Amino acid sequence: QVQLVESGGGLVQAGGSLKLSCAASGRFVSTYPMAWFRQTPGKEREFVATVSSSTTSKYYADFAKGRFTISRDNAKNTVTVELQMDSLKSGDTAVYYCATSPAPRTTQDLMAGNVDYWGQGAQVTVSS
């Protein structure tokens, strides 16, 4: 079983930065692609960024390009995935979720919303 635990959410002023972290544990989790999604009330959950198991492939939503950076650190049964968010805007206010699916699912699958495991979410609030 895979467990995802997010941390690092909070309140930040517009233009500021925040880093989210996700601790992913479970057998073979180091072979899984990882992603971040976000959701605001009344809206569907939307893709933010994803990274392959080898870290060689990274993809971002258009709104995240140039401002957000995804990274991961693999250990045998634990993976840490971070989302560095810079130049934050009020529109970035949302609950951010860590997500993954077992191989052979890919980063493209995660981008399409084919997610098997979700974290509990971390609230990010950007004040204007």
Foldseek 3Di string as FASTA:
>chain_A
DKAKAKDWADEAAAQAKTKMKIKIFDAPVLQWKKFKWWDDPPDDIAGAKIAGSVRPDIDGDPVPPPFKDWDWDDDRGIIMIMIIGGNDDQVVFTWMKMFIDDPPDGPVCVNVVVTDDIHPTGTHGYHD
